[in-house]
């Protein structure tokens, strides 16, 4: 099997798993699609596509759906586990973003609500850029560059990071990560989303 076909199969499998989890959590609340659309700000049509596994939703869309359902992003994308400790083997993380030049954002670990912590493995090919809308209030992000050079934009500020450099910033501001150099870049990203009143805020 070609690598491209394997990636396509993995993406389809992830889309189906996400759709099933969204539908089950929506039904557990006895919500209609219209109610979830109203609570999440995601259109009913988009939700239908997500639940049917016909779409690979963006990270922003998944965050809005998760917030509306009161669950963290890992609950929608991580493989189901019954053990006390959850191990994600190399290559098993959920690829939730793919750059136009070959970069990837992979969610490799995460905790359950009420306070959600996510650990990501990011790679940016030369010219790749990921724009992220502001997350829920109180979200914090930590980045450490492992290879290459990464430009991190937080609101109106830009910070150029080299291997070993790290940055902490509020994730509830618009932000983005870019590779403006000619070599591949890679960084680890940790995201902390606090709960408020039993629901992530």
Protein backbone atom coordinates (compact mmCIF):
# COMPACT_ATOMS: atom_id res chain seq x y z
CA UNK A 1 0.00 0.00 0.00
CA UNK A 2 1.29 3.46 -0.86
CA UNK A 3 1.98 5.91 1.98
CA UNK A 4 -0.63 8.34 0.59
CA UNK A 5 -3.31 5.65 0.69
CA UNK A 6 -2.31 4.72 4.23
CA UNK A 7 -2.61 8.35 5.35
CA UNK A 8 -6.00 8.62 3.64
CA UNK A 9 -7.20 5.48 5.44
CA UNK A 10 -5.97 6.85 8.78
CA UNK A 11 -7.70 10.18 8.18
CA UNK A 12 -10.95 8.44 7.22
CA UNK A 13 -10.76 6.23 10.31
CA UNK A 14 -10.17 9.25 12.54
CA UNK A 15 -13.05 11.18 10.92
CA UNK A 16 -15.42 8.25 11.52
CA UNK A 17 -14.29 7.87 15.15
CA UNK A 18 -14.72 11.61 15.81
CA UNK A 19 -18.18 11.55 14.21
CA UNK A 20 -19.30 8.63 16.36
CA UNK A 21 -18.07 10.29 19.57
CA UNK A 22 -19.71 13.61 18.76
CA UNK A 23 -23.02 11.88 17.98
CA UNK A 24 -22.91 9.76 21.17
CA UNK A 25 -22.12 12.75 23.38
CA UNK A 26 -24.81 14.85 21.71
CA UNK A 27 -27.36 12.09 22.18
CA UNK A 28 -26.31 11.62 25.81
CA UNK A 29 -27.39 15.23 26.37
CA UNK A 30 -30.63 14.58 24.43
CA UNK A 31 -29.66 17.41 22.07
CA UNK A 32 -30.76 17.78 18.49
CA UNK A 33 -28.27 18.81 15.83
CA UNK A 34 -29.83 22.26 15.90
CA UNK A 35 -29.21 22.54 19.65
CA UNK A 36 -25.57 21.54 19.25
CA UNK A 37 -25.22 23.97 16.35
CA UNK A 38 -26.60 26.78 18.51
CA UNK A 39 -24.38 25.91 21.48
CA UNK A 40 -21.19 25.47 19.43
CA UNK A 41 -21.53 28.07 16.70
CA UNK A 42 -20.88 25.31 14.14
CA UNK A 43 -23.45 25.06 11.36
CA UNK A 44 -25.92 22.17 11.33
CA UNK A 45 -24.67 21.12 7.89
CA UNK A 46 -21.07 20.97 9.16
CA UNK A 47 -22.19 18.95 12.20
CA UNK A 48 -23.99 16.45 9.95
CA UNK A 49 -20.78 16.00 7.94
CA UNK A 50 -18.75 15.57 11.15
CA UNK A 51 -21.13 13.00 12.64
CA UNK A 52 -21.23 11.03 9.38
CA UNK A 53 -17.43 10.97 9.24
CA UNK A 54 -17.60 12.72 5.88
CA UNK A 55 -15.36 15.62 6.93
CA UNK A 56 -12.06 16.16 8.69
CA UNK A 57 -13.01 19.13 10.89
CA UNK A 58 -10.47 21.79 11.76
CA UNK A 59 -8.98 22.02 15.24
CA UNK A 60 -11.03 25.19 15.82
CA UNK A 61 -14.26 23.41 14.88
CA UNK A 62 -13.45 20.48 17.16
CA UNK A 63 -12.67 22.85 20.03
CA UNK A 64 -16.03 24.61 19.60
CA UNK A 65 -17.88 21.28 19.51
CA UNK A 66 -15.95 19.97 22.53
CA UNK A 67 -16.63 23.16 24.50
CA UNK A 68 -20.36 22.92 23.74
CA UNK A 69 -20.43 19.28 24.85
CA UNK A 70 -18.30 19.98 27.93
CA UNK A 71 -15.46 17.68 26.89
CA UNK A 72 -11.83 18.17 25.97
CA UNK A 73 -10.39 17.70 22.51
CA UNK A 74 -8.69 14.42 23.53
CA UNK A 75 -12.10 12.91 24.36
CA UNK A 76 -13.13 13.40 20.73
CA UNK A 77 -9.97 12.19 19.00
CA UNK A 78 -7.90 9.94 21.28
CA UNK A 79 -8.25 6.14 21.04
CA UNK A 80 -10.48 4.66 23.74
CA UNK A 81 -8.49 3.22 26.64
CA UNK A 82 -9.43 1.41 29.82
CA UNK A 83 -6.07 1.52 31.59
CA UNK A 84 -5.19 4.05 34.27
CA UNK A 85 -2.25 5.19 32.14
CA UNK A 86 -2.67 6.00 28.47
CA UNK A 87 0.28 5.29 26.19
CA UNK A 88 0.40 6.70 22.67
CA UNK A 89 2.98 4.84 20.61
CA UNK A 90 5.03 6.58 17.97
CA UNK A 91 2.88 7.18 14.90
CA UNK A 92 -0.44 6.64 16.74
CA UNK A 93 -1.24 10.30 17.50
CA UNK A 94 -4.23 12.01 15.90
CA UNK A 95 -3.18 14.15 12.93
CA UNK A 96 -5.50 17.15 13.25
CA UNK A 97 -3.75 19.62 10.96
CA UNK A 98 -1.83 19.20 7.72
CA UNK A 99 0.06 22.10 6.17
CA UNK A 100 0.06 22.89 2.49
CA UNK A 101 3.78 22.10 2.29
CA UNK A 102 3.77 18.92 4.37
CA UNK A 103 3.74 20.03 8.01
CA UNK A 104 1.54 18.28 10.58
CA UNK A 105 -0.04 18.97 13.95
CA UNK A 106 -0.39 15.71 15.88
CA UNK A 107 -2.23 15.42 19.21
CA UNK A 108 -0.17 12.77 21.03
CA UNK A 109 -1.65 12.88 24.55
CA UNK A 110 -4.37 14.58 26.52
CA UNK A 111 -6.27 14.53 29.78
CA UNK A 112 -9.99 14.44 30.52
CA UNK A 113 -12.10 17.31 31.90
CA UNK A 114 -12.56 19.24 34.06
CA UNK A 115 -9.09 20.72 33.40
CA UNK A 116 -7.81 19.62 30.00
CA UNK A 117 -4.12 19.36 29.10
CA UNK A 118 -3.04 18.53 25.56
CA UNK A 119 0.41 17.57 24.26
CA UNK A 120 1.11 18.11 20.57
CA UNK A 121 3.97 17.23 18.19
CA UNK A 122 4.15 19.85 15.44
CA UNK A 123 6.21 19.96 12.27
CA UNK A 124 6.27 22.86 9.83
CA UNK A 125 7.73 22.53 6.37
CA UNK A 126 9.29 25.67 4.85
CA UNK A 127 6.47 28.11 4.10
CA UNK A 128 3.93 26.37 6.35
CA UNK A 129 1.83 28.53 8.66
CA UNK A 130 -0.98 27.65 11.08
CA UNK A 131 -3.37 30.38 12.21
CA UNK A 132 -5.31 29.68 15.40
CA UNK A 133 -8.30 31.62 16.60
CA UNK A 134 -8.44 32.59 20.26
CA UNK A 135 -9.29 29.62 22.48
CA UNK A 136 -11.56 29.69 25.52
CA UNK A 137 -10.76 32.11 28.35
CA UNK A 138 -7.84 31.10 30.56
CA UNK A 139 -6.17 28.81 28.00
CA UNK A 140 -2.37 28.73 28.22
CA UNK A 141 0.10 27.43 25.64
CA UNK A 142 3.74 26.38 25.99
CA UNK A 143 6.04 25.74 23.03
CA UNK A 144 9.58 24.41 22.84
CA UNK A 145 11.35 24.30 19.49
CA UNK A 146 13.13 21.01 18.79
CA UNK A 147 14.50 21.73 15.31
CA UNK A 148 14.57 24.57 12.82
CA UNK A 149 13.19 28.06 13.39
CA UNK A 150 9.59 28.82 14.35
CA UNK A 151 7.97 32.25 14.32
CA UNK A 152 5.20 32.46 16.93
CA UNK A 153 2.71 35.29 16.64
CA UNK A 154 0.61 36.20 19.68
CA UNK A 155 -1.87 38.99 18.97
CA UNK A 156 0.35 41.71 17.43
CA UNK A 157 3.68 40.37 18.75
CA UNK A 158 6.09 38.08 16.87
CA UNK A 159 8.75 35.91 18.48
CA UNK A 160 11.38 34.00 16.48
CA UNK A 161 12.45 30.81 18.27
CA UNK A 162 15.46 28.58 17.59
CA UNK A 163 16.14 25.00 18.80
CA UNK A 164 15.92 24.85 22.58
CA UNK A 165 13.99 28.13 22.85
CA UNK A 166 10.62 28.08 24.60
CA UNK A 167 7.68 30.45 24.95
CA UNK A 168 4.59 30.61 27.18
CA UNK A 169 1.60 32.71 26.13
CA UNK A 170 -2.16 33.07 26.61
CA UNK A 171 -3.98 30.84 24.14
CA UNK A 172 -7.11 32.98 24.49
CA UNK A 173 -5.52 35.50 22.11
CA UNK A 174 -5.32 34.98 18.33
CA UNK A 175 -2.02 33.29 17.55
CA UNK A 176 -0.12 31.40 14.88
CA UNK A 177 3.00 29.37 14.14
CA UNK A 178 5.06 29.77 10.97
CA UNK A 179 8.22 28.45 9.33
CA UNK A 180 9.72 31.26 7.25
CA UNK A 181 13.06 29.49 6.75
CA UNK A 182 14.29 26.93 4.22
CA UNK A 183 14.63 23.95 6.60
CA UNK A 184 11.93 21.91 8.31
CA UNK A 185 10.97 22.93 11.84
CA UNK A 186 9.55 20.90 14.71
CA UNK A 187 8.21 21.85 18.13
CA UNK A 188 6.34 20.45 21.11
CA UNK A 189 3.18 22.25 22.19
CA UNK A 190 1.36 21.90 25.52
CA UNK A 191 -2.10 23.43 25.92
CA UNK A 192 -3.88 23.92 29.25
CA UNK A 193 -7.61 24.67 29.17
CA UNK A 194 -9.12 25.26 32.63
CA UNK A 195 -12.65 24.42 33.63
CA UNK A 196 -15.16 26.88 35.00
CA UNK A 197 -18.38 25.84 36.66
CA UNK A 198 -18.12 22.25 35.45
CA UNK A 199 -17.69 23.35 31.82
CA UNK A 200 -14.55 24.38 30.03
CA UNK A 201 -14.70 28.13 29.70
